[in-house]
Amino acid sequence: MRSYPKTRARAGPSWRGQTPPGRPTASPPRCASEKLRFSLGYPVKEHVGAAALALPARRWKPALDAGGQPREGAWVAELTDRVDLSGWPEGTRLICRKERPHPGAQLRFTDVDGHRYQCFITDQAGRSLARLELRHRLHARVEDRVQEVTELGLGRLPFQVLEANEAWFELVLLAQDLLAWLRALVLDGELSVAKPKRLRHRLLHVAGRLTRSGRRRTLHLPRAWPWAQELIAAFARLRALATPG
């Protein structure tokens, strides 16, 4: 999960999340007191959108894709000097990303001039806005993992006392690790990034029958199962893996 691009931002751990409009909560000041850097989603209110639209074209720099290469149809710019951030800690910066929505995407009422605008605030230094924006965007996978582990059982604790749930915590984390290795080693395409609910529906909960004949075991799957071939291919990749040791 710690896949950060190289950046010139100040060293140190960072905290990412969402923030309501208006004055900040106690979290960013506390981050400063704990020597943590923050990176928070910022709502695109009317005054923020107006500031973005008023920026001259030279202020917009190409955004980067996940591989660190320029992304076509996406740009980033800094709005710190265009929006009042006096309620935030000293050194807070407001960075905006605009991009052309992919074909078929539904525009929101905050999307202006055919572009989609997204903003975040951070106290991280660095001249490369594209690198800072990429780091913020890639770190969203951490939130995806939190959502996933909640779905796997962390959101349904069996006991009210924290200590009594320690074994449950370990089982949930083990399940998440097994799913991560399953996606990485034996699944491909859409299933390699599927959420637990989809994997259960398509692969893990399929009814099968295991038979033995002539020292061979055969797994029989329902003929009408739409994802039978994906499951067979996953077993083939599993058998092809090198045996440890």
Protein backbone atom coordinates (compact mmCIF):
# COMPACT_ATOMS: atom_id res chain seq x y z
CA MET A 1 0.00 0.00 0.00
CA ARG A 2 3.00 2.34 0.41
CA SER A 3 3.52 3.11 -3.24
CA TYR A 4 4.52 6.76 -3.21
CA PRO A 5 6.08 8.56 -6.17
CA LYS A 6 9.33 10.40 -5.70
CA THR A 7 8.72 13.98 -4.65
CA ARG A 8 10.56 16.96 -3.31
CA ALA A 9 8.04 17.41 -0.53
CA ARG A 10 9.36 17.63 3.00
CA ALA A 11 10.12 14.29 4.56
CA GLY A 12 7.89 12.82 7.21
CA PRO A 13 4.64 10.86 7.50
CA SER A 14 1.45 12.40 6.20
CA TRP A 15 -2.26 12.13 6.93
CA ARG A 16 -4.83 12.06 4.17
CA GLY A 17 -8.60 12.43 4.38
CA GLN A 18 -11.60 14.64 3.68
CA THR A 19 -12.54 17.88 5.35
CA PRO A 20 -15.79 19.83 5.60
CA PRO A 21 -15.97 23.35 4.16
CA GLY A 22 -15.18 26.39 6.29
CA ARG A 23 -12.75 26.47 9.16
CA PRO A 24 -10.71 23.35 9.84
CA THR A 25 -11.30 20.86 12.58
CA ALA A 26 -8.65 20.22 15.20
CA SER A 27 -6.95 17.62 13.04
CA PRO A 28 -4.59 19.77 10.89
CA PRO A 29 -3.30 21.81 13.88
CA ARG A 30 -2.77 18.59 15.76
CA CYS A 31 -0.88 17.20 12.77
CA ALA A 32 1.42 20.22 12.97
CA SER A 33 1.99 19.69 16.70
CA GLU A 34 2.78 16.01 16.08
CA LYS A 35 5.12 16.88 13.17
CA LEU A 36 2.82 15.18 10.65
CA ARG A 37 2.05 16.47 7.15
CA PHE A 38 -1.59 16.54 6.03
CA SER A 39 -3.27 16.21 2.63
CA LEU A 40 -7.04 16.76 2.68
CA GLY A 41 -9.74 16.86 0.05
CA TYR A 42 -11.20 20.36 -0.23
CA PRO A 43 -14.75 21.12 -1.44
CA VAL A 44 -15.06 22.97 -4.74
CA LYS A 45 -17.38 25.75 -3.63
CA GLU A 46 -18.46 28.58 -5.91
CA HIS A 47 -15.61 30.90 -4.91
CA VAL A 48 -13.06 28.11 -5.42
CA GLY A 49 -14.44 27.34 -8.87
CA ALA A 50 -14.37 31.03 -9.76
CA ALA A 51 -10.74 31.24 -8.67
CA ALA A 52 -9.84 28.24 -10.81
CA LEU A 53 -11.59 29.67 -13.86
CA ALA A 54 -9.84 33.02 -13.42
CA LEU A 55 -6.36 31.48 -13.51
CA PRO A 56 -4.37 32.27 -16.65
CA ALA A 57 -3.52 29.31 -18.87
CA ARG A 58 0.19 29.53 -18.03
CA ARG A 59 -0.55 28.62 -14.39
CA TRP A 60 -1.92 25.19 -15.35
CA LYS A 61 0.74 22.47 -15.58
CA PRO A 62 0.25 18.93 -16.93
CA ALA A 63 -0.84 16.37 -14.34
CA LEU A 64 0.82 12.97 -14.01
CA ASP A 65 -0.59 9.48 -14.33
CA ALA A 66 0.11 6.66 -11.88
CA GLY A 67 3.38 5.89 -13.65
CA GLY A 68 4.66 9.43 -13.26
CA GLN A 69 4.17 10.35 -16.92
CA PRO A 70 2.22 13.39 -18.20
CA ARG A 71 -1.48 12.60 -18.33
CA GLU A 72 -3.31 13.81 -21.41
CA GLY A 73 -6.31 16.02 -20.70
CA ALA A 74 -5.45 16.78 -17.05
CA TRP A 75 -3.75 19.77 -15.42
CA VAL A 76 -2.91 21.06 -11.93
CA ALA A 77 -2.50 24.56 -10.53
CA GLU A 78 -2.11 26.25 -7.16
CA LEU A 79 -4.91 28.45 -5.79
CA THR A 80 -3.28 29.40 -2.50
CA ASP A 81 -3.00 33.06 -3.47
CA ARG A 82 -6.56 33.15 -4.85
CA VAL A 83 -8.58 31.69 -1.95
CA ASP A 84 -8.71 32.77 1.69
CA LEU A 85 -7.00 30.09 3.80
CA SER A 86 -6.54 32.20 6.93
CA GLY A 87 -8.44 29.64 9.02
CA TRP A 88 -5.85 26.97 8.27
CA PRO A 89 -2.36 26.47 9.73
CA GLU A 90 0.48 28.53 8.34
CA GLY A 91 1.96 27.04 5.20
CA THR A 92 -1.31 25.45 4.01
CA ARG A 93 -1.59 25.27 0.22
CA LEU A 94 -4.63 24.78 -2.00
CA ILE A 95 -4.00 22.76 -5.16
CA CYS A 96 -6.56 22.18 -7.90
CA ARG A 97 -6.76 19.54 -10.59
CA LYS A 98 -8.90 19.84 -13.69
CA GLU A 99 -9.42 17.17 -16.30
CA ARG A 100 -11.65 16.23 -19.17
CA PRO A 101 -14.09 13.54 -17.93
CA HIS A 102 -13.82 10.19 -19.65
CA PRO A 103 -16.45 9.42 -22.32
CA GLY A 104 -19.81 8.60 -20.75
CA ALA A 105 -18.99 10.18 -17.39
CA GLN A 106 -21.82 12.16 -15.80
CA LEU A 107 -20.84 15.73 -15.07
CA ARG A 108 -21.57 17.29 -11.68
CA PHE A 109 -22.98 20.76 -11.15
CA THR A 110 -19.52 21.87 -9.96
CA ASP A 111 -17.96 20.83 -13.28
CA VAL A 112 -17.49 23.96 -15.36
CA ASP A 113 -16.42 24.51 -18.94
CA GLY A 114 -16.55 20.80 -19.68
CA HIS A 115 -13.87 19.98 -17.10
CA ARG A 116 -14.01 18.22 -13.75
CA TYR A 117 -12.37 20.11 -10.87
CA GLN A 118 -10.98 18.54 -7.69
CA CYS A 119 -9.07 20.31 -4.93
CA PHE A 120 -7.02 19.39 -1.90
CA ILE A 121 -5.11 21.30 0.75
CA THR A 122 -1.74 20.30 2.13
CA ASP A 123 1.12 21.73 4.15
CA GLN A 124 3.71 19.84 2.12
CA ALA A 125 6.37 21.86 0.33
CA GLY A 126 7.65 21.14 -3.15
CA ARG A 127 7.75 23.00 -6.43
CA SER A 128 6.24 20.16 -8.45
CA LEU A 129 2.49 20.50 -8.03
CA ALA A 130 1.95 17.48 -10.26
CA ARG A 131 4.00 15.30 -7.90
CA LEU A 132 2.12 16.51 -4.85
CA GLU A 133 -1.22 15.92 -6.55
CA LEU A 134 -0.15 12.44 -7.68
CA ARG A 135 0.93 11.53 -4.17
CA HIS A 136 -2.42 12.68 -2.79
CA ARG A 137 -4.36 10.75 -5.44
CA LEU A 138 -2.38 7.52 -5.12
CA HIS A 139 -2.72 7.52 -1.35
CA ALA A 140 -6.45 7.08 -1.82
CA ARG A 141 -5.75 3.35 -2.06
CA VAL A 142 -5.22 3.37 1.70
CA GLU A 143 -8.84 4.47 2.12
CA ASP A 144 -9.85 1.66 -0.23
CA ARG A 145 -8.07 -0.85 2.00
CA VAL A 146 -9.78 0.52 5.09
CA GLN A 147 -13.14 0.15 3.34
CA GLU A 148 -12.21 -3.38 2.32
CA VAL A 149 -11.13 -4.51 5.78
CA THR A 150 -14.38 -3.04 7.16
CA GLU A 151 -16.33 -5.14 4.67
CA LEU A 152 -14.34 -8.24 5.63
CA GLY A 153 -15.44 -8.02 9.25
CA LEU A 154 -13.80 -5.10 11.00
CA GLY A 155 -17.13 -3.31 10.95
CA ARG A 156 -18.90 -6.21 12.70
CA LEU A 157 -16.99 -6.89 15.89
CA PRO A 158 -18.40 -9.79 17.92
CA PHE A 159 -17.56 -8.34 21.37
CA GLN A 160 -17.96 -4.97 23.04
CA VAL A 161 -14.58 -5.12 24.82
CA LEU A 162 -11.57 -4.27 22.65
CA GLU A 163 -9.26 -6.95 24.07
CA ALA A 164 -11.79 -9.69 23.36
CA ASN A 165 -11.75 -8.77 19.66
CA GLU A 166 -7.99 -9.22 19.17
CA ALA A 167 -8.37 -12.67 17.59
CA TRP A 168 -11.10 -11.29 15.31
CA PHE A 169 -8.75 -8.50 14.22
CA GLU A 170 -6.07 -11.04 13.29
CA LEU A 171 -8.54 -13.16 11.29
CA VAL A 172 -9.81 -10.13 9.37
CA LEU A 173 -6.27 -9.00 8.51
CA LEU A 174 -5.37 -12.54 7.48
CA ALA A 175 -8.39 -12.63 5.15
CA GLN A 176 -7.32 -9.32 3.61
CA ASP A 177 -3.76 -10.61 3.08
CA LEU A 178 -5.06 -13.79 1.42
CA LEU A 179 -7.27 -11.76 -0.92
CA ALA A 180 -4.36 -9.47 -1.78
CA TRP A 181 -2.14 -12.43 -2.75
CA LEU A 182 -5.04 -14.06 -4.60
CA ARG A 183 -5.45 -10.97 -6.79
CA ALA A 184 -1.73 -10.56 -7.33
CA LEU A 185 -0.82 -14.16 -8.15
CA VAL A 186 -3.75 -15.96 -9.75
CA LEU A 187 -6.31 -13.41 -10.95
CA ASP A 188 -6.15 -11.06 -13.90
CA GLY A 189 -8.25 -8.46 -15.66
CA GLU A 190 -11.28 -7.14 -13.81
CA LEU A 191 -11.06 -9.73 -11.04
CA SER A 192 -7.51 -8.67 -10.12
CA VAL A 193 -8.93 -5.44 -8.67
CA ALA A 194 -12.35 -6.70 -7.59
CA LYS A 195 -13.74 -5.95 -4.13
CA PRO A 196 -14.42 -8.83 -1.68
CA LYS A 197 -18.16 -8.81 -2.35
CA ARG A 198 -17.64 -9.32 -6.08
CA LEU A 199 -15.03 -12.04 -5.54
CA ARG A 200 -17.40 -13.89 -3.23
CA HIS A 201 -20.20 -13.68 -5.76
CA ARG A 202 -18.16 -14.75 -8.77
CA LEU A 203 -15.54 -17.16 -7.43
CA LEU A 204 -15.47 -17.97 -3.75
CA HIS A 205 -19.10 -18.98 -3.21
CA VAL A 206 -19.58 -21.08 -6.35
CA ALA A 207 -21.07 -24.51 -5.66
CA GLY A 208 -18.76 -27.32 -6.82
CA ARG A 209 -18.35 -31.05 -6.42
CA LEU A 210 -14.98 -32.73 -5.90
CA THR A 211 -14.62 -36.33 -7.10
CA ARG A 212 -11.70 -38.78 -6.90
CA SER A 213 -10.98 -41.46 -9.50
CA GLY A 214 -7.75 -43.23 -10.36
CA ARG A 215 -5.77 -41.14 -7.86
CA ARG A 216 -6.98 -38.00 -9.59
CA ARG A 217 -9.24 -35.33 -8.17
CA THR A 218 -11.71 -33.52 -10.41
CA LEU A 219 -13.62 -30.37 -9.56
CA HIS A 220 -17.04 -30.21 -11.21
CA LEU A 221 -18.55 -26.74 -11.65
CA PRO A 222 -22.09 -25.80 -12.72
CA ARG A 223 -22.34 -25.63 -16.52
CA ALA A 224 -24.24 -22.35 -16.42
CA TRP A 225 -21.82 -20.60 -14.05
CA PRO A 226 -20.78 -17.42 -15.95
CA TRP A 227 -17.30 -17.25 -14.40
CA ALA A 228 -16.32 -20.90 -14.58
CA GLN A 229 -13.50 -20.20 -17.04
CA GLU A 230 -12.06 -17.47 -14.81
CA LEU A 231 -12.03 -19.89 -11.87
CA ILE A 232 -10.39 -22.64 -13.95
CA ALA A 233 -7.74 -20.19 -15.17
CA ALA A 234 -7.07 -19.15 -11.58
CA PHE A 235 -6.49 -22.79 -10.54
CA ALA A 236 -4.15 -23.22 -13.53
CA ARG A 237 -2.07 -20.22 -12.48
CA LEU A 238 -2.00 -21.49 -8.92
CA ARG A 239 -0.63 -24.87 -10.03
CA ALA A 240 1.98 -23.14 -12.17
CA LEU A 241 3.45 -21.24 -9.21
CA ALA A 242 6.83 -22.39 -7.98
CA THR A 243 6.72 -24.50 -4.85
CA PRO A 244 8.41 -22.71 -1.91
CA GLY A 245 11.69 -24.22 -0.86
